[in-house]
C-alpha atoms as a PDB file:
ATOM      1  CA  MET A   1    -178.657  95.158 -39.413  1.00  0.00           C
ATOM      2  CA  ALA A   2    -177.504  96.324 -42.553  1.00  0.00           C
ATOM      3  CA  ILE A   3    -177.711  93.999 -45.238  1.00  0.00           C
ATOM      4  CA  ASN A   4    -175.135  93.666 -48.685  1.00  0.00           C
ATOM      5  CA  ASN A   5    -176.109  91.352 -50.900  1.00  0.00           C
ATOM      6  CA  THR A   6    -174.570  91.898 -54.281  1.00  0.00           C
ATOM      7  CA  LEU A   7    -175.757  89.338 -57.025  1.00  0.00           C
ATOM      8  CA  THR A   8    -174.349  89.587 -60.899  1.00  0.00           C
ATOM      9  CA  ILE A   9    -175.642  87.488 -63.515  1.00  0.00           C
ATOM     10  CA  SER A  10    -174.035  87.196 -66.542  1.00  0.00           C
ATOM     11  CA  VAL A  11    -176.642  86.086 -69.646  1.00  0.00           C
ATOM     12  CA  ASN A  12    -175.174  85.382 -73.404  1.00  0.00           C
ATOM     13  CA  ASP A  13    -178.291  85.232 -75.682  1.00  0.00           C
ATOM     14  CA  SER A  14    -177.586  84.341 -79.202  1.00  0.00           C
ATOM     15  CA  LEU A  15    -180.889  84.107 -80.369  1.00  0.00           C
ATOM     16  CA  THR A  16    -183.031  86.936 -81.237  1.00  0.00           C
ATOM     17  CA  ASP A  17    -186.140  86.089 -78.909  1.00  0.00           C
ATOM     18  CA  ASP A  18    -187.641  88.563 -76.487  1.00  0.00           C
ATOM     19  CA  ASN A  19    -186.099  89.758 -73.854  1.00  0.00           C
ATOM     20  CA  GLU A  20    -187.174  87.685 -70.347  1.00  0.00           C
ATOM     21  CA  GLU A  21    -187.312  90.594 -67.097  1.00  0.00           C
ATOM     22  CA  ILE A  22    -185.693  88.209 -64.250  1.00  0.00           C
ATOM     23  CA  ASN A  23    -187.274  88.850 -60.654  1.00  0.00           C
ATOM     24  CA  ILE A  24    -185.119  88.449 -57.846  1.00  0.00           C
ATOM     25  CA  LEU A  25    -186.436  87.787 -53.694  1.00  0.00           C
ATOM     26  CA  VAL A  26    -183.748  87.293 -51.201  1.00  0.00           C
ATOM     27  CA  CYS A  27    -184.397  85.698 -48.289  1.00  0.00           C
ATOM     28  CA  ASN A  28    -181.642  85.763 -45.684  1.00  0.00           C
ATOM     29  CA  CYS A  29    -183.034  84.711 -42.223  1.00  0.00           C
ATOM     30  CA  ASN A  30    -181.689  80.937 -41.605  1.00  0.00           C
ATOM     31  CA  SER A  31    -182.728  79.035 -39.206  1.00  0.00           C
ATOM     32  CA  ARG A  32    -184.167  81.487 -36.323  1.00  0.00           C
ATOM     33  CA  GLY A  33    -186.885  82.664 -38.767  1.00  0.00           C
ATOM     34  CA  SER A  34    -189.442  82.758 -40.928  1.00  0.00           C
ATOM     35  CA  CYS A  35    -189.372  83.855 -44.848  1.00  0.00           C
ATOM     36  CA  GLN A  36    -192.514  86.129 -45.487  1.00  0.00           C
ATOM     37  CA  TRP A  37    -193.148  85.523 -49.398  1.00  0.00           C
ATOM     38  CA  THR A  38    -196.192  87.635 -49.612  1.00  0.00           C
ATOM     39  CA  ASP A  39    -194.096  90.670 -47.815  1.00  0.00           C
ATOM     40  CA  THR A  40    -191.586  91.642 -50.080  1.00  0.00           C
ATOM     41  CA  LEU A  41    -189.640  94.455 -49.509  1.00  0.00           C
ATOM     42  CA  ARG A  42    -188.460  96.422 -52.852  1.00  0.00           C
ATOM     43  CA  GLY A  43    -184.829  97.845 -52.899  1.00  0.00           C
ATOM     44  CA  GLY A  44    -184.050 100.151 -56.032  1.00  0.00           C
ATOM     45  CA  SER A  45    -185.096  98.116 -58.375  1.00  0.00           C
ATOM     46  CA  GLU A  46    -188.419  96.451 -59.511  1.00  0.00           C
ATOM     47  CA  SER A  47    -186.651  93.283 -60.325  1.00  0.00           C
ATOM     48  CA  TYR A  48    -184.998  93.043 -56.847  1.00  0.00           C
ATOM     49  CA  GLY A  49    -187.020  92.524 -53.179  1.00  0.00           C
ATOM     50  CA  LEU A  50    -186.293  91.541 -49.735  1.00  0.00           C
ATOM     51  CA  VAL A  51    -188.342  89.420 -48.346  1.00  0.00           C
ATOM     52  CA  PRO A  52    -188.289  90.137 -44.068  1.00  0.00           C
ATOM     53  CA  CYS A  53    -187.962  87.433 -41.490  1.00  0.00           C
ATOM     54  CA  ASP A  54    -190.731  86.697 -39.103  1.00  0.00           C
ATOM     55  CA  CYS A  55    -188.834  85.736 -35.976  1.00  0.00           C
ATOM     56  CA  MET A  56    -188.635  83.364 -33.594  1.00  0.00           C
ATOM     57  CA  GLU A  57    -189.984  84.755 -29.870  1.00  0.00           C
ATOM     58  CA  ALA A  58    -186.798  84.811 -29.065  1.00  0.00           C
ATOM     59  CA  TYR A  59    -185.093  86.936 -31.799  1.00  0.00           C
ATOM     60  CA  ASP A  60    -185.005  90.236 -33.487  1.00  0.00           C
ATOM     61  CA  GLY A  61    -183.797  92.132 -36.541  1.00  0.00           C
ATOM     62  CA  ALA A  62    -183.981  91.729 -39.994  1.00  0.00           C
ATOM     63  CA  GLU A  63    -182.523  88.430 -40.428  1.00  0.00           C
ATOM     64  CA  CYS A  64    -183.225  87.291 -36.584  1.00  0.00           C
ATOM     65  CA  MET A  65    -179.647  87.501 -35.649  1.00  0.00           C
ATOM     66  CA  ASP A  66    -180.234  89.894 -32.643  1.00  0.00           C
ATOM     67  CA  ASP A  67    -181.963  88.727 -29.109  1.00  0.00           C
ATOM     68  CA  ALA A  68    -185.108  89.938 -28.416  1.00  0.00           C
ATOM     69  CA  ASP A  69    -185.025  92.448 -25.479  1.00  0.00           C
ATOM     70  CA  GLY A  70    -187.735  91.099 -23.086  1.00  0.00           C
ATOM     71  CA  CYS A  71    -187.854  94.263 -21.550  1.00  0.00           C
ATOM     72  CA  ALA A  72    -188.366  96.152 -24.061  1.00  0.00           C
ATOM     73  CA  ASP A  73    -192.153  97.073 -23.308  1.00  0.00           C
ATOM     74  CA  ASP A  74    -190.876  97.874 -19.677  1.00  0.00           C
ATOM     75  CA  PRO A  75    -193.684  94.930 -18.420  1.00  0.00           C
ATOM     76  CA  CYS A  76    -191.980  94.600 -14.838  1.00  0.00           C
ATOM     77  CA  PHE A  77    -193.202  96.615 -11.496  1.00  0.00           C
ATOM     78  CA  THR A  78    -189.746  97.498 -10.681  1.00  0.00           C
ATOM     79  CA  ASN A  79    -186.536  95.947 -12.753  1.00  0.00           C
ATOM     80  CA  CYS A  80    -186.358  93.597 -15.090  1.00  0.00           C
ATOM     81  CA  THR A  81    -183.734  91.109 -16.897  1.00  0.00           C
ATOM     82  CA  ASP A  82    -183.518  89.888 -20.408  1.00  0.00           C
ATOM     83  CA  VAL A  83    -183.963  86.128 -20.993  1.00  0.00           C
ATOM     84  CA  PRO A  84    -180.739  85.425 -23.312  1.00  0.00           C
ATOM     85  CA  ALA A  85    -181.374  83.575 -26.662  1.00  0.00           C
ATOM     86  CA  PRO A  86    -182.352  80.945 -27.142  1.00  0.00           C
ATOM     87  CA  GLY A  87    -184.538  81.905 -24.157  1.00  0.00           C
ATOM     88  CA  LEU A  88    -187.819  83.130 -24.135  1.00  0.00           C
ATOM     89  CA  GLY A  89    -189.023  86.422 -22.428  1.00  0.00           C
ATOM     90  CA  TYR A  90    -187.905  88.057 -19.094  1.00  0.00           C
ATOM     91  CA  THR A  91    -188.211  87.635 -15.158  1.00  0.00           C
ATOM     92  CA  CYS A  92    -189.001  90.512 -13.090  1.00  0.00           C
ATOM     93  CA  ALA A  93    -187.348  91.230  -9.731  1.00  0.00           C
ATOM     94  CA  PRO A  94    -189.573  90.483  -6.799  1.00  0.00           C
ATOM     95  CA  CYS A  95    -192.277  93.146  -5.516  1.00  0.00           C
ATOM     96  CA  PRO A  96    -190.857  95.642  -2.959  1.00  0.00           C
ATOM     97  CA  ALA A  97    -191.355  94.286   0.854  1.00  0.00           C
ATOM     98  CA  HIS A  98    -194.549  96.536   1.397  1.00  0.00           C
ATOM     99  CA  LEU A  99    -196.454  95.304  -1.864  1.00  0.00           C
ATOM    100  CA  THR A 100    -197.438  91.773  -3.144  1.00  0.00           C
ATOM    101  CA  GLY A 101    -197.655  90.123  -6.511  1.00  0.00           C
ATOM    102  CA  ASN A 102    -195.783  88.263  -9.193  1.00  0.00           C
ATOM    103  CA  GLY A 103    -193.224  91.133  -9.985  1.00  0.00           C
ATOM    104  CA  THR A 104    -195.359  92.036 -13.137  1.00  0.00           C
ATOM    105  CA  SER A 105    -198.347  93.516 -10.652  1.00  0.00           C
ATOM    106  CA  CYS A 106    -197.225  94.765  -7.938  1.00  0.00           C
ATOM    107  CA  LEU A 107    -199.950  95.931  -5.180  1.00  0.00           C
ATOM    108  CA  ASP A 108    -200.457  97.252  -1.703  1.00  0.00           C
ATOM    109  CA  ARG A 109    -200.233  94.204   0.946  1.00  0.00           C
ATOM    110  CA  ASP A 110    -202.682  93.811   3.438  1.00  0.00           C
ATOM    111  CA  GLU A 111    -200.304  93.208   6.359  1.00  0.00           C
ATOM    112  CA  CYS A 112    -202.906  93.703   8.914  1.00  0.00           C
ATOM    113  CA  GLU A 113    -205.476  90.939   6.340  1.00  0.00           C
ATOM    114  CA  GLU A 114    -201.866  88.936   6.002  1.00  0.00           C
ATOM    115  CA  GLY A 115    -201.342  88.919   9.818  1.00  0.00           C
ATOM    116  CA  THR A 116    -198.132  90.019   9.303  1.00  0.00           C
ATOM    117  CA  ASP A 117    -198.014  92.946  11.651  1.00  0.00           C
ATOM    118  CA  ASN A 118    -196.782  93.303  14.914  1.00  0.00           C
ATOM    119  CA  CYS A 119    -199.696  95.269  16.162  1.00  0.00           C
ATOM    120  CA  ALA A 120    -200.835  94.049  20.003  1.00  0.00           C
ATOM    121  CA  GLN A 121    -204.439  95.485  19.859  1.00  0.00           C
ATOM    122  CA  ASN A 122    -205.863  97.044  16.836  1.00  0.00           C
ATOM    123  CA  CYS A 123    -204.136  97.335  12.671  1.00  0.00           C
ATOM    124  CA  THR A 124    -205.377  99.553  10.251  1.00  0.00           C
ATOM    125  CA  ASN A 125    -204.241  99.039   7.147  1.00  0.00           C
ATOM    126  CA  VAL A 126    -202.842 102.099   5.073  1.00  0.00           C
ATOM    127  CA  VAL A 127    -200.981 102.325   1.592  1.00  0.00           C
ATOM    128  CA  ASN A 128    -197.267 100.434   1.660  1.00  0.00           C
ATOM    129  CA  SER A 129    -197.660 100.278   5.694  1.00  0.00           C
ATOM    130  CA  PHE A 130    -200.244  99.398   8.607  1.00  0.00           C
ATOM    131  CA  ASN A 131    -201.010 101.544  11.865  1.00  0.00           C
ATOM    132  CA  CYS A 132    -202.065 100.336  15.171  1.00  0.00           C
ATOM    133  CA  SER A 133    -203.913 101.751  17.880  1.00  0.00           C
ATOM    134  CA  CYS A 134    -205.049 100.813  21.339  1.00  0.00           C
ATOM    135  CA  HIS A 135    -208.823  99.499  22.373  1.00  0.00           C
ATOM    136  CA  ALA A 136    -210.575 101.563  24.781  1.00  0.00           C
ATOM    137  CA  GLY A 137    -208.740 101.542  28.407  1.00  0.00           C
ATOM    138  CA  PHE A 138    -205.380 101.680  26.627  1.00  0.00           C
ATOM    139  CA  MET A 139    -202.800 103.881  25.120  1.00  0.00           C
ATOM    140  CA  VAL A 140    -199.630 103.225  22.700  1.00  0.00           C
ATOM    141  CA  ASP A 141    -196.554 102.627  24.415  1.00  0.00           C
ATOM    142  CA  SER A 142    -194.362 105.364  24.422  1.00  0.00           C
ATOM    143  CA  SER A 143    -191.291 103.063  24.096  1.00  0.00           C
ATOM    144  CA  ASN A 144    -193.075 100.622  21.326  1.00  0.00           C
ATOM    145  CA  SER A 145    -196.018 101.928  19.116  1.00  0.00           C
ATOM    146  CA  SER A 146    -196.700  98.545  18.441  1.00  0.00           C
ATOM    147  CA  ASN A 147    -197.818  97.578  22.118  1.00  0.00           C
ATOM    148  CA  CYS A 148    -200.538  99.441  24.139  1.00  0.00           C
ATOM    149  CA  VAL A 149    -200.423  99.668  28.289  1.00  0.00           C
ATOM    150  CA  ASN A 150    -203.314 100.079  30.326  1.00  0.00           C
ATOM    151  CA  VAL A 151    -204.442 103.516  31.178  1.00  0.00           C
ATOM    152  CA  ASN A 152    -204.580 104.184  35.092  1.00  0.00           C
ATOM    153  CA  GLU A 153    -208.046 106.320  34.826  1.00  0.00           C
ATOM    154  CA  CYS A 154    -207.387 106.600  38.571  1.00  0.00           C
ATOM    155  CA  THR A 155    -204.369 108.534  38.462  1.00  0.00           C
ATOM    156  CA  MET A 156    -205.523 110.486  35.165  1.00  0.00           C
ATOM    157  CA  ASN A 157    -208.439 111.902  36.936  1.00  0.00           C
ATOM    158  CA  PRO A 158    -208.735 112.100  41.048  1.00  0.00           C
ATOM    159  CA  ASN A 159    -212.061 112.731  40.807  1.00  0.00           C
ATOM    160  CA  ILE A 160    -213.351 110.099  38.346  1.00  0.00           C
ATOM    161  CA  CYS A 161    -215.460 108.372  41.430  1.00  0.00           C
ATOM    162  CA  ALA A 162    -216.670 111.517  43.213  1.00  0.00           C
ATOM    163  CA  ALA A 163    -220.586 110.764  42.546  1.00  0.00           C
ATOM    164  CA  GLY A 164    -219.713 108.544  44.862  1.00  0.00           C
ATOM    165  CA  GLY A 165    -219.394 110.395  47.596  1.00  0.00           C
ATOM    166  CA  SER A 166    -216.297 110.853  50.165  1.00  0.00           C
ATOM    167  CA  ALA A 167    -216.146 107.175  50.603  1.00  0.00           C
ATOM    168  CA  ALA A 168    -215.981 106.158  46.896  1.00  0.00           C
ATOM    169  CA  VAL A 169    -212.399 104.847  45.807  1.00  0.00           C
ATOM    170  CA  CYS A 170    -210.985 104.305  42.489  1.00  0.00           C
ATOM    171  CA  LEU A 171    -209.796 100.831  41.475  1.00  0.00           C
ATOM    172  CA  ASP A 172    -208.255 100.276  38.119  1.00  0.00           C
ATOM    173  CA  THR A 173    -208.379  97.415  36.544  1.00  0.00           C
ATOM    174  CA  GLU A 174    -206.859  95.855  33.244  1.00  0.00           C
ATOM    175  CA  GLY A 175    -208.368  98.410  30.431  1.00  0.00           C
ATOM    176  CA  SER A 176    -211.172 100.333  32.772  1.00  0.00           C
ATOM    177  CA  TYR A 177    -211.362 100.707  36.082  1.00  0.00           C
ATOM    178  CA  MET A 178    -214.565 100.476  38.765  1.00  0.00           C
ATOM    179  CA  CYS A 179    -215.380 102.904  41.570  1.00  0.00           C
ATOM    180  CA  ALA A 180    -215.794 100.782  45.597  1.00  0.00           C
ATOM    181  CA  CYS A 181    -216.238 102.142  48.677  1.00  0.00           C
ATOM    182  CA  LYS A 182    -213.868 102.128  51.252  1.00  0.00           C
ATOM    183  CA  PRO A 183    -214.094  99.397  54.107  1.00  0.00           C
ATOM    184  CA  GLY A 184    -217.365  99.886  56.687  1.00  0.00           C
ATOM    185  CA  TYR A 185    -219.517 101.777  53.669  1.00  0.00           C
ATOM    186  CA  LYS A 186    -221.488 100.157  50.969  1.00  0.00           C
ATOM    187  CA  MET A 187    -222.736 101.704  47.549  1.00  0.00           C
ATOM    188  CA  ASP A 188    -226.916 101.651  47.497  1.00  0.00           C
ATOM    189  CA  GLY A 189    -228.674 101.758  44.430  1.00  0.00           C
ATOM    190  CA  ALA A 190    -227.704 105.163  43.285  1.00  0.00           C
ATOM    191  CA  GLY A 191    -223.727 104.178  43.138  1.00  0.00           C
ATOM    192  CA  VAL A 192    -223.479 106.242  46.310  1.00  0.00           C
ATOM    193  CA  CYS A 193    -221.126 104.970  49.363  1.00  0.00           C
ATOM    194  CA  VAL A 194    -223.044 104.380  52.904  1.00  0.00           C
ATOM    195  CA  ASP A 195    -222.240 103.693  56.190  1.00  0.00           C
ATOM    196  CA  ILE A 196    -222.524 100.473  56.472  1.00  0.00           C
ATOM    197  CA  PRO A 197    -224.711  99.990  59.808  1.00  0.00           C
ATOM    198  CA  ASP A 198    -222.811  97.504  61.724  1.00  0.00           C
ATOM    199  CA  CYS A 199    -224.280  97.966  65.218  1.00  0.00           C
ATOM    200  CA  ASN A 200    -227.536  96.224  63.677  1.00  0.00           C
ATOM    201  CA  ASN A 201    -225.228  93.370  64.221  1.00  0.00           C
ATOM    202  CA  ARG A 202    -226.615  92.361  67.731  1.00  0.00           C
ATOM    203  CA  THR A 203    -223.505  90.242  68.418  1.00  0.00           C
ATOM    204  CA  ILE A 204    -221.262  92.231  66.952  1.00  0.00           C
ATOM    205  CA  CYS A 205    -220.706  94.045  70.584  1.00  0.00           C
ATOM    206  CA  ASP A 206    -220.829  92.324  74.115  1.00  0.00           C
ATOM    207  CA  ASN A 207    -224.305  93.442  75.159  1.00  0.00           C
ATOM    208  CA  THR A 208    -223.369  92.217  78.743  1.00  0.00           C
ATOM    209  CA  THR A 209    -220.550  94.349  78.855  1.00  0.00           C
ATOM    210  CA  SER A 210    -220.761  96.772  76.536  1.00  0.00           C
ATOM    211  CA  VAL A 211    -222.929  98.838  73.998  1.00  0.00           C
ATOM    212  CA  CYS A 212    -222.098  99.556  70.254  1.00  0.00           C
ATOM    213  CA  GLN A 213    -221.761 102.607  68.800  1.00  0.00           C
ATOM    214  CA  GLU A 214    -221.461 104.044  65.299  1.00  0.00           C
ATOM    215  CA  THR A 215    -218.745 105.635  63.662  1.00  0.00           C
ATOM    216  CA  PRO A 216    -218.132 106.555  60.187  1.00  0.00           C
ATOM    217  CA  GLY A 217    -217.045 103.648  58.194  1.00  0.00           C
ATOM    218  CA  SER A 218    -217.118 101.964  61.548  1.00  0.00           C
ATOM    219  CA  TYR A 219    -218.238 101.171  65.150  1.00  0.00           C
ATOM    220  CA  ARG A 220    -216.789 100.746  68.523  1.00  0.00           C
ATOM    221  CA  CYS A 221    -218.241  99.003  71.897  1.00  0.00           C
ATOM    222  CA  ASP A 222    -217.975 101.252  74.787  1.00  0.00           C
ATOM    223  CA  CYS A 223    -218.301  99.920  77.613  1.00  0.00           C
ATOM    224  CA  LYS A 224    -221.039  99.941  80.134  1.00  0.00           C
ATOM    225  CA  THR A 225    -220.938 101.236  83.647  1.00  0.00           C
ATOM    226  CA  GLY A 226    -219.221  99.085  86.394  1.00  0.00           C
ATOM    227  CA  TYR A 227    -216.849  97.799  83.149  1.00  0.00           C
ATOM    228  CA  SER A 228    -213.582  98.834  81.537  1.00  0.00           C
ATOM    229  CA  ARG A 229    -210.889  97.780  79.601  1.00  0.00           C
ATOM    230  CA  LYS A 230    -207.205  97.315  80.314  1.00  0.00           C
ATOM    231  CA  PRO A 231    -204.722 100.142  79.782  1.00  0.00           C
ATOM    232  CA  GLY A 232    -203.671  99.914  75.684  1.00  0.00           C
ATOM    233  CA  SER A 233    -206.893  97.991  74.963  1.00  0.00           C
ATOM    234  CA  SER A 234    -208.402  98.207  71.527  1.00  0.00           C
ATOM    235  CA  SER A 235    -211.954 100.213  71.499  1.00  0.00           C
ATOM    236  CA  ASN A 236    -213.795  96.739  70.719  1.00  0.00           C
ATOM    237  CA  SER A 237    -211.946  94.491  72.872  1.00  0.00           C
ATOM    238  CA  SER A 238    -213.988  92.815  75.897  1.00  0.00           C
ATOM    239  CA  CYS A 239    -214.837  94.885  78.415  1.00  0.00           C
ATOM    240  CA  VAL A 240    -214.397  93.622  82.285  1.00  0.00           C
ATOM    241  CA  ASN A 241    -215.546  94.355  85.195  1.00  0.00           C
ATOM    242  CA  THR A 242    -214.437  97.172  87.177  1.00  0.00           C
ATOM    243  CA  ASN A 243    -213.658  96.637  91.055  1.00  0.00           C
ATOM    244  CA  GLU A 244    -214.785  99.757  92.099  1.00  0.00           C
ATOM    245  CA  CYS A 245    -213.660  99.132  95.550  1.00  0.00           C
ATOM    246  CA  THR A 246    -210.116  99.053  95.159  1.00  0.00           C
ATOM    247  CA  GLY A 247    -209.850 102.102  93.528  1.00  0.00           C
ATOM    248  CA  ALA A 248    -207.631 104.919  94.047  1.00  0.00           C
ATOM    249  CA  LYS A 249    -210.464 107.068  95.504  1.00  0.00           C
ATOM    250  CA  PRO A 250    -213.029 105.497  97.887  1.00  0.00           C
ATOM    251  CA  VAL A 251    -216.408 104.819  96.309  1.00  0.00           C
ATOM    252  CA  CYS A 252    -218.076 104.455 100.106  1.00  0.00           C
ATOM    253  CA  SER A 253    -218.487 106.330 102.791  1.00  0.00           C
ATOM    254  CA  SER A 254    -217.068 106.240 106.358  1.00  0.00           C
ATOM    255  CA  GLY A 255    -218.664 103.827 108.147  1.00  0.00           C
ATOM    256  CA  SER A 256    -219.126 101.426 105.595  1.00  0.00           C
ATOM    257  CA  ARG A 257    -217.887  98.451 103.742  1.00  0.00           C
ATOM    258  CA  CYS A 258    -217.344  98.232  99.824  1.00  0.00           C
ATOM    259  CA  VAL A 259    -218.287  95.359  98.368  1.00  0.00           C
ATOM    260  CA  ASP A 260    -217.434  94.598  94.536  1.00  0.00           C
ATOM    261  CA  SER A 261    -220.125  92.569  92.405  1.00  0.00           C
ATOM    262  CA  GLU A 262    -220.357  91.922  88.404  1.00  0.00           C
ATOM    263  CA  GLY A 263    -220.444  95.371  86.748  1.00  0.00           C
ATOM    264  CA  SER A 264    -221.358  97.241  90.176  1.00  0.00           C
ATOM    265  CA  PHE A 265    -220.345  97.287  93.873  1.00  0.00           C
ATOM    266  CA  SER A 266    -222.213  98.150  96.743  1.00  0.00           C
ATOM    267  CA  CYS A 267    -221.627 100.253 100.231  1.00  0.00           C
ATOM    268  CA  ILE A 268    -222.529  97.815 103.208  1.00  0.00           C
ATOM    269  CA  CYS A 269    -223.118 100.122 106.707  1.00  0.00           C
ATOM    270  CA  LEU A 270    -221.447  99.505 109.976  1.00  0.00           C
ATOM    271  CA  PRO A 271    -223.091  98.613 112.739  1.00  0.00           C
ATOM    272  CA  GLY A 272    -224.558 102.076 114.131  1.00  0.00           C
ATOM    273  CA  TYR A 273    -224.532 103.375 111.024  1.00  0.00           C
ATOM    274  CA  ILE A 274    -227.331 103.954 108.918  1.00  0.00           C
ATOM    275  CA  ARG A 275    -227.586 104.529 104.658  1.00  0.00           C
ATOM    276  CA  ARG A 276    -228.026 107.607 103.482  1.00  0.00           C
ATOM    277  CA  SER A 277    -227.766 107.320  99.590  1.00  0.00           C
ATOM    278  CA  LYS A 278    -225.895 104.083  97.875  1.00  0.00           C
ATOM    279  CA  GLU A 279    -222.378 105.351  98.931  1.00  0.00           C
ATOM    280  CA  VAL A 280    -223.044 107.031 102.319  1.00  0.00           C
ATOM    281  CA  CYS A 281    -223.865 105.961 105.326  1.00  0.00           C
ATOM    282  CA  THR A 282    -224.234 107.849 108.606  1.00  0.00           C
ATOM    283  CA  PRO A 283    -223.767 107.098 112.442  1.00  0.00           C
ATOM    284  CA  ASN A 284    -227.526 106.245 113.432  1.00  0.00           C
ATOM    285  CA  VAL A 285    -228.600 109.191 116.176  1.00  0.00           C
ATOM    286  CA  THR A 286    -231.692 108.731 116.818  1.00  0.00           C
ATOM    287  CA  SER A 287    -231.243 104.728 118.122  1.00  0.00           C
ATOM    288  CA  CYS A 288    -229.412 106.975 120.771  1.00  0.00           C
ATOM    289  CA  ALA A 289    -232.447 109.119 121.158  1.00  0.00           C
ATOM    290  CA  LYS A 290    -235.199 106.104 121.866  1.00  0.00           C
ATOM    291  CA  ILE A 291    -233.138 104.464 124.951  1.00  0.00           C
ATOM    292  CA  ASN A 292    -232.483 108.513 126.015  1.00  0.00           C
ATOM    293  CA  CYS A 293    -229.232 107.497 126.160  1.00  0.00           C
ATOM    294  CA  THR A 294    -227.840 110.161 128.904  1.00  0.00           C
ATOM    295  CA  ALA A 295    -224.485 110.772 131.150  1.00  0.00           C
ATOM    296  CA  GLU A 296    -226.656 110.289 134.339  1.00  0.00           C
ATOM    297  CA  ARG A 297    -227.788 106.693 132.808  1.00  0.00           C
ATOM    298  CA  SER A 298    -225.060 105.370 132.331  1.00  0.00           C
ATOM    299  CA  VAL A 299    -223.394 105.745 135.446  1.00  0.00           C
END
């Protein structure tokens, strides 16, 4: 601020004494500063000087009449607001959302460390932000980059369990998968699915009426001779006795009578017939020869 002070001095000297030089120092700091008498600013005359002011912190200017601009040195990270005198200093705007600090100094926030991220699994801090990633066996959700969804390895790689053989199947699990075997198979020490020998279980079929036969991944109970299943029954249902004597085709020859038994039958020869085989009876012609049956003797 320009200072325009005029000082007029009128001296009448009626004596013949030597002249005295008068030095004038002016200080106009008022109550907002203190005069610095040892640091005089000389004007155009050596006899006149302006004493500078040491202003209070909130004020500025030659006479401490101005508000000191607290933001002059740009002390804030973003926006600075001066505090009007007689208040002191300045206030800084808060740090941006992605930064942390007191407004004067703002540093990158580690959202991962703070726990303010929204990552479902892995969080990696980067400048001004963070990145989300997923554990092995998961992938980033296409509809929500902070979320992770399970990877179905069985669908993505249909041959992932091929080492287990044709009976191996892939089972998807949360974040992983496992290779298992189809029913009727088990995994050996080398990770290959081998057929379970069901027939080693001697009670799996009725040994009296059937015989156990291995099939790929399973078994069946075949009926023994003389036993059968009712039409439409499953391959492992119980076998029941077959009544051969009531079949559409005779099992015994003429001259005999069929007698059914459990799991079998027998042909009983009628009188005058002799057995030729299990199912065949023929006329006993030798009995007539022994008694010489002739037409003459029979009269």
